[in-house]
Amino acid sequence: SLADGDRLKFASASSFLDTSLPLEEQLYSPALVPGGASLILYGKTESGVVVRNRFFWMYDMNCGEENDPVQVGDEIGWVTVDET
């Protein structure tokens, strides 16, 4: 259970990549190169109503060129991104 101001941190799916292999060898069987991310959070209002905040973003592997789907300071529903 989280309270106002708490932080949630999770590892990127890209942490499963083998840095000794080219990305092309990790695209299929199994597909380890991520193409996006999604997050679904549930919470309760002060009156007890359950609310849901869900968002996702897609990206490609263009090595950071125009590929910044989420930035520090972005606000998505009640979530504020504080680290990427």
N, C-alpha and C. Protein backbone atom coordinates (compact mmCIF):
# COMPACT_ATOMS: atom_id res chain seq x y z
N SER A 1 0.84 -1.17 0.00
CA SER A 1 0.00 0.00 0.00
C SER A 1 0.89 1.24 0.00
N LEU A 2 0.60 2.18 -0.86
CA LEU A 2 1.39 3.39 -0.98
C LEU A 2 0.60 4.58 -0.45
N ALA A 3 1.30 5.57 0.04
CA ALA A 3 0.67 6.81 0.50
C ALA A 3 1.22 7.96 -0.33
N ASP A 4 0.59 9.11 -0.22
CA ASP A 4 1.00 10.29 -0.96
C ASP A 4 2.49 10.55 -0.75
N GLY A 5 3.23 10.69 -1.83
CA GLY A 5 4.66 10.95 -1.75
C GLY A 5 5.53 9.72 -1.82
N ASP A 6 4.94 8.52 -1.68
CA ASP A 6 5.72 7.28 -1.78
C ASP A 6 6.21 7.10 -3.21
N ARG A 7 7.26 6.31 -3.36
CA ARG A 7 7.85 6.05 -4.67
C ARG A 7 7.74 4.58 -5.01
N LEU A 8 7.54 4.31 -6.28
CA LEU A 8 7.49 2.96 -6.81
C LEU A 8 8.59 2.87 -7.86
N LYS A 9 9.42 1.84 -7.76
CA LYS A 9 10.53 1.68 -8.70
C LYS A 9 10.48 0.27 -9.26
N PHE A 10 10.73 0.15 -10.56
CA PHE A 10 10.76 -1.17 -11.17
C PHE A 10 11.87 -1.23 -12.21
N ALA A 11 12.40 -2.42 -12.41
CA ALA A 11 13.49 -2.62 -13.37
C ALA A 11 12.95 -2.66 -14.79
N SER A 12 13.73 -2.16 -15.70
CA SER A 12 13.37 -2.19 -17.11
C SER A 12 13.46 -3.61 -17.65
N ALA A 13 12.57 -3.94 -18.58
CA ALA A 13 12.64 -5.24 -19.25
C ALA A 13 13.94 -5.38 -20.02
N SER A 14 14.55 -4.27 -20.38
CA SER A 14 15.82 -4.33 -21.11
C SER A 14 16.95 -4.89 -20.25
N SER A 15 16.73 -5.01 -18.94
CA SER A 15 17.77 -5.59 -18.07
C SER A 15 17.99 -7.07 -18.38
N PHE A 16 17.08 -7.69 -19.13
CA PHE A 16 17.24 -9.09 -19.52
C PHE A 16 18.12 -9.24 -20.76
N LEU A 17 18.47 -8.14 -21.40
CA LEU A 17 19.30 -8.22 -22.61
C LEU A 17 20.72 -8.65 -22.25
N ASP A 18 21.33 -9.38 -23.16
CA ASP A 18 22.72 -9.82 -23.01
C ASP A 18 23.59 -8.82 -23.77
N THR A 19 24.37 -8.03 -23.04
CA THR A 19 25.17 -6.99 -23.68
C THR A 19 26.29 -7.54 -24.56
N SER A 20 26.56 -8.83 -24.48
CA SER A 20 27.60 -9.41 -25.33
C SER A 20 27.06 -9.86 -26.68
N LEU A 21 25.74 -9.77 -26.87
CA LEU A 21 25.13 -10.17 -28.14
C LEU A 21 24.52 -8.96 -28.85
N PRO A 22 24.53 -8.95 -30.18
CA PRO A 22 23.88 -7.86 -30.92
C PRO A 22 22.37 -7.89 -30.67
N LEU A 23 21.72 -6.72 -30.71
CA LEU A 23 20.27 -6.65 -30.51
C LEU A 23 19.52 -7.51 -31.52
N GLU A 24 20.01 -7.56 -32.75
CA GLU A 24 19.34 -8.34 -33.79
C GLU A 24 19.16 -9.80 -33.37
N GLU A 25 20.09 -10.33 -32.58
CA GLU A 25 20.00 -11.72 -32.14
C GLU A 25 19.04 -11.89 -30.96
N GLN A 26 18.52 -10.79 -30.42
CA GLN A 26 17.65 -10.87 -29.26
C GLN A 26 16.23 -10.37 -29.55
N LEU A 27 15.94 -10.18 -30.83
CA LEU A 27 14.62 -9.68 -31.22
C LEU A 27 13.55 -10.76 -31.21
N TYR A 28 13.94 -12.03 -31.42
CA TYR A 28 12.98 -13.12 -31.54
C TYR A 28 13.49 -14.35 -30.79
N SER A 29 12.58 -15.18 -30.37
CA SER A 29 12.86 -16.52 -29.81
C SER A 29 13.89 -16.55 -28.70
N PRO A 30 13.70 -16.04 -27.57
CA PRO A 30 12.56 -15.20 -27.17
C PRO A 30 12.82 -13.73 -27.51
N ALA A 31 11.75 -12.98 -27.65
CA ALA A 31 11.85 -11.55 -27.92
C ALA A 31 12.19 -10.82 -26.63
N LEU A 32 13.42 -10.36 -26.50
CA LEU A 32 13.87 -9.70 -25.28
C LEU A 32 13.94 -8.19 -25.41
N VAL A 33 13.92 -7.68 -26.65
CA VAL A 33 14.01 -6.24 -26.86
C VAL A 33 12.62 -5.64 -26.68
N PRO A 34 12.44 -4.82 -25.64
CA PRO A 34 11.10 -4.25 -25.38
C PRO A 34 10.71 -3.20 -26.41
N GLY A 35 9.42 -3.11 -26.66
CA GLY A 35 8.90 -2.11 -27.59
C GLY A 35 7.98 -1.12 -26.90
N GLY A 36 7.87 -1.23 -25.59
CA GLY A 36 7.01 -0.32 -24.86
C GLY A 36 6.90 -0.75 -23.41
N ALA A 37 6.08 -0.04 -22.69
CA ALA A 37 5.87 -0.34 -21.28
C ALA A 37 4.45 0.04 -20.91
N SER A 38 3.93 -0.61 -19.88
CA SER A 38 2.61 -0.26 -19.38
C SER A 38 2.60 -0.37 -17.86
N LEU A 39 1.74 0.41 -17.26
CA LEU A 39 1.63 0.43 -15.81
C LEU A 39 0.18 0.68 -15.45
N ILE A 40 -0.36 -0.13 -14.56
CA ILE A 40 -1.73 0.05 -14.08
C ILE A 40 -1.69 0.15 -12.56
N LEU A 41 -2.20 1.25 -12.03
CA LEU A 41 -2.23 1.48 -10.59
C LEU A 41 -3.67 1.61 -10.13
N TYR A 42 -3.98 1.02 -9.01
CA TYR A 42 -5.31 1.15 -8.39
C TYR A 42 -5.16 1.88 -7.08
N GLY A 43 -6.14 2.66 -6.74
CA GLY A 43 -6.12 3.38 -5.48
C GLY A 43 -7.53 3.61 -5.00
N LYS A 44 -7.64 4.17 -3.80
CA LYS A 44 -8.94 4.53 -3.24
C LYS A 44 -8.95 6.00 -2.90
N THR A 45 -10.06 6.65 -3.21
CA THR A 45 -10.22 8.04 -2.82
C THR A 45 -10.50 8.10 -1.32
N GLU A 46 -10.53 9.29 -0.77
CA GLU A 46 -10.82 9.43 0.66
C GLU A 46 -12.19 8.86 1.02
N SER A 47 -13.11 8.87 0.05
CA SER A 47 -14.45 8.34 0.32
C SER A 47 -14.55 6.84 0.06
N GLY A 48 -13.42 6.19 -0.32
CA GLY A 48 -13.41 4.75 -0.51
C GLY A 48 -13.69 4.27 -1.92
N VAL A 49 -13.85 5.18 -2.86
CA VAL A 49 -14.10 4.80 -4.26
C VAL A 49 -12.79 4.31 -4.89
N VAL A 50 -12.82 3.14 -5.53
CA VAL A 50 -11.63 2.60 -6.19
C VAL A 50 -11.45 3.31 -7.53
N VAL A 51 -10.25 3.80 -7.76
CA VAL A 51 -9.92 4.46 -9.02
C VAL A 51 -8.74 3.74 -9.66
N ARG A 52 -8.63 3.90 -10.97
CA ARG A 52 -7.57 3.21 -11.71
C ARG A 52 -6.83 4.23 -12.56
N ASN A 53 -5.53 4.13 -12.59
CA ASN A 53 -4.68 4.97 -13.42
C ASN A 53 -3.86 4.02 -14.29
N ARG A 54 -4.11 4.04 -15.57
CA ARG A 54 -3.35 3.15 -16.46
C ARG A 54 -2.77 3.95 -17.61
N PHE A 55 -1.57 3.63 -17.95
CA PHE A 55 -0.93 4.30 -19.06
C PHE A 55 0.11 3.38 -19.67
N PHE A 56 0.44 3.65 -20.91
CA PHE A 56 1.47 2.88 -21.59
C PHE A 56 2.14 3.78 -22.61
N TRP A 57 3.32 3.39 -23.02
CA TRP A 57 4.03 4.11 -24.06
C TRP A 57 4.77 3.12 -24.92
N MET A 58 4.92 3.48 -26.17
CA MET A 58 5.61 2.64 -27.15
C MET A 58 6.88 3.37 -27.57
N TYR A 59 7.88 2.62 -27.94
CA TYR A 59 9.10 3.23 -28.43
C TYR A 59 9.80 2.26 -29.36
N ASP A 60 10.77 2.76 -30.09
CA ASP A 60 11.55 1.88 -30.97
C ASP A 60 13.01 1.95 -30.54
N MET A 61 13.84 1.25 -31.23
CA MET A 61 15.24 1.14 -30.82
C MET A 61 16.13 2.04 -31.67
N ASN A 62 15.79 3.33 -31.74
CA ASN A 62 16.61 4.23 -32.55
C ASN A 62 17.70 4.90 -31.73
N CYS A 63 18.11 4.27 -30.66
CA CYS A 63 19.26 4.69 -29.85
C CYS A 63 19.15 6.10 -29.29
N GLY A 64 17.96 6.47 -28.86
CA GLY A 64 17.79 7.74 -28.18
C GLY A 64 17.51 8.93 -29.05
N GLU A 65 17.58 8.78 -30.35
CA GLU A 65 17.30 9.90 -31.24
C GLU A 65 15.78 10.06 -31.34
N GLU A 66 15.27 11.16 -30.78
CA GLU A 66 13.83 11.42 -30.75
C GLU A 66 13.07 10.25 -30.13
N ASN A 67 13.63 9.67 -29.08
CA ASN A 67 13.02 8.51 -28.45
C ASN A 67 12.98 8.70 -26.94
N ASP A 68 12.22 9.69 -26.50
CA ASP A 68 12.10 9.98 -25.07
C ASP A 68 10.63 9.95 -24.69
N PRO A 69 10.04 8.76 -24.56
CA PRO A 69 8.59 8.68 -24.31
C PRO A 69 8.15 9.23 -22.96
N VAL A 70 9.02 9.18 -21.96
CA VAL A 70 8.66 9.65 -20.63
C VAL A 70 9.82 10.48 -20.10
N GLN A 71 9.51 11.64 -19.54
CA GLN A 71 10.52 12.55 -19.03
C GLN A 71 10.32 12.78 -17.53
N VAL A 72 11.38 13.07 -16.83
CA VAL A 72 11.29 13.45 -15.42
C VAL A 72 10.39 14.69 -15.33
N GLY A 73 9.46 14.66 -14.41
CA GLY A 73 8.51 15.76 -14.24
C GLY A 73 7.19 15.54 -14.93
N ASP A 74 7.11 14.56 -15.85
CA ASP A 74 5.83 14.25 -16.50
C ASP A 74 4.82 13.83 -15.44
N GLU A 75 3.59 14.27 -15.59
CA GLU A 75 2.51 13.88 -14.69
C GLU A 75 1.48 13.10 -15.49
N ILE A 76 1.18 11.90 -15.01
CA ILE A 76 0.24 11.02 -15.68
C ILE A 76 -0.78 10.61 -14.61
N GLY A 77 -1.97 11.20 -14.65
CA GLY A 77 -2.94 10.96 -13.59
C GLY A 77 -2.37 11.48 -12.29
N TRP A 78 -2.34 10.66 -11.28
CA TRP A 78 -1.80 11.08 -9.99
C TRP A 78 -0.33 10.72 -9.83
N VAL A 79 0.30 10.24 -10.92
CA VAL A 79 1.71 9.83 -10.87
C VAL A 79 2.59 10.93 -11.45
N THR A 80 3.70 11.21 -10.78
CA THR A 80 4.70 12.14 -11.29
C THR A 80 5.99 11.36 -11.48
N VAL A 81 6.56 11.41 -12.68
CA VAL A 81 7.81 10.71 -12.96
C VAL A 81 8.96 11.50 -12.34
N ASP A 82 9.73 10.84 -11.45
CA ASP A 82 10.82 11.57 -10.81
C ASP A 82 12.20 11.00 -11.14
N GLU A 83 12.25 9.92 -11.91
CA GLU A 83 13.52 9.34 -12.32
C GLU A 83 13.25 8.45 -13.52
N THR A 84 14.16 8.47 -14.49
CA THR A 84 14.02 7.57 -15.64
C THR A 84 15.27 6.76 -15.81
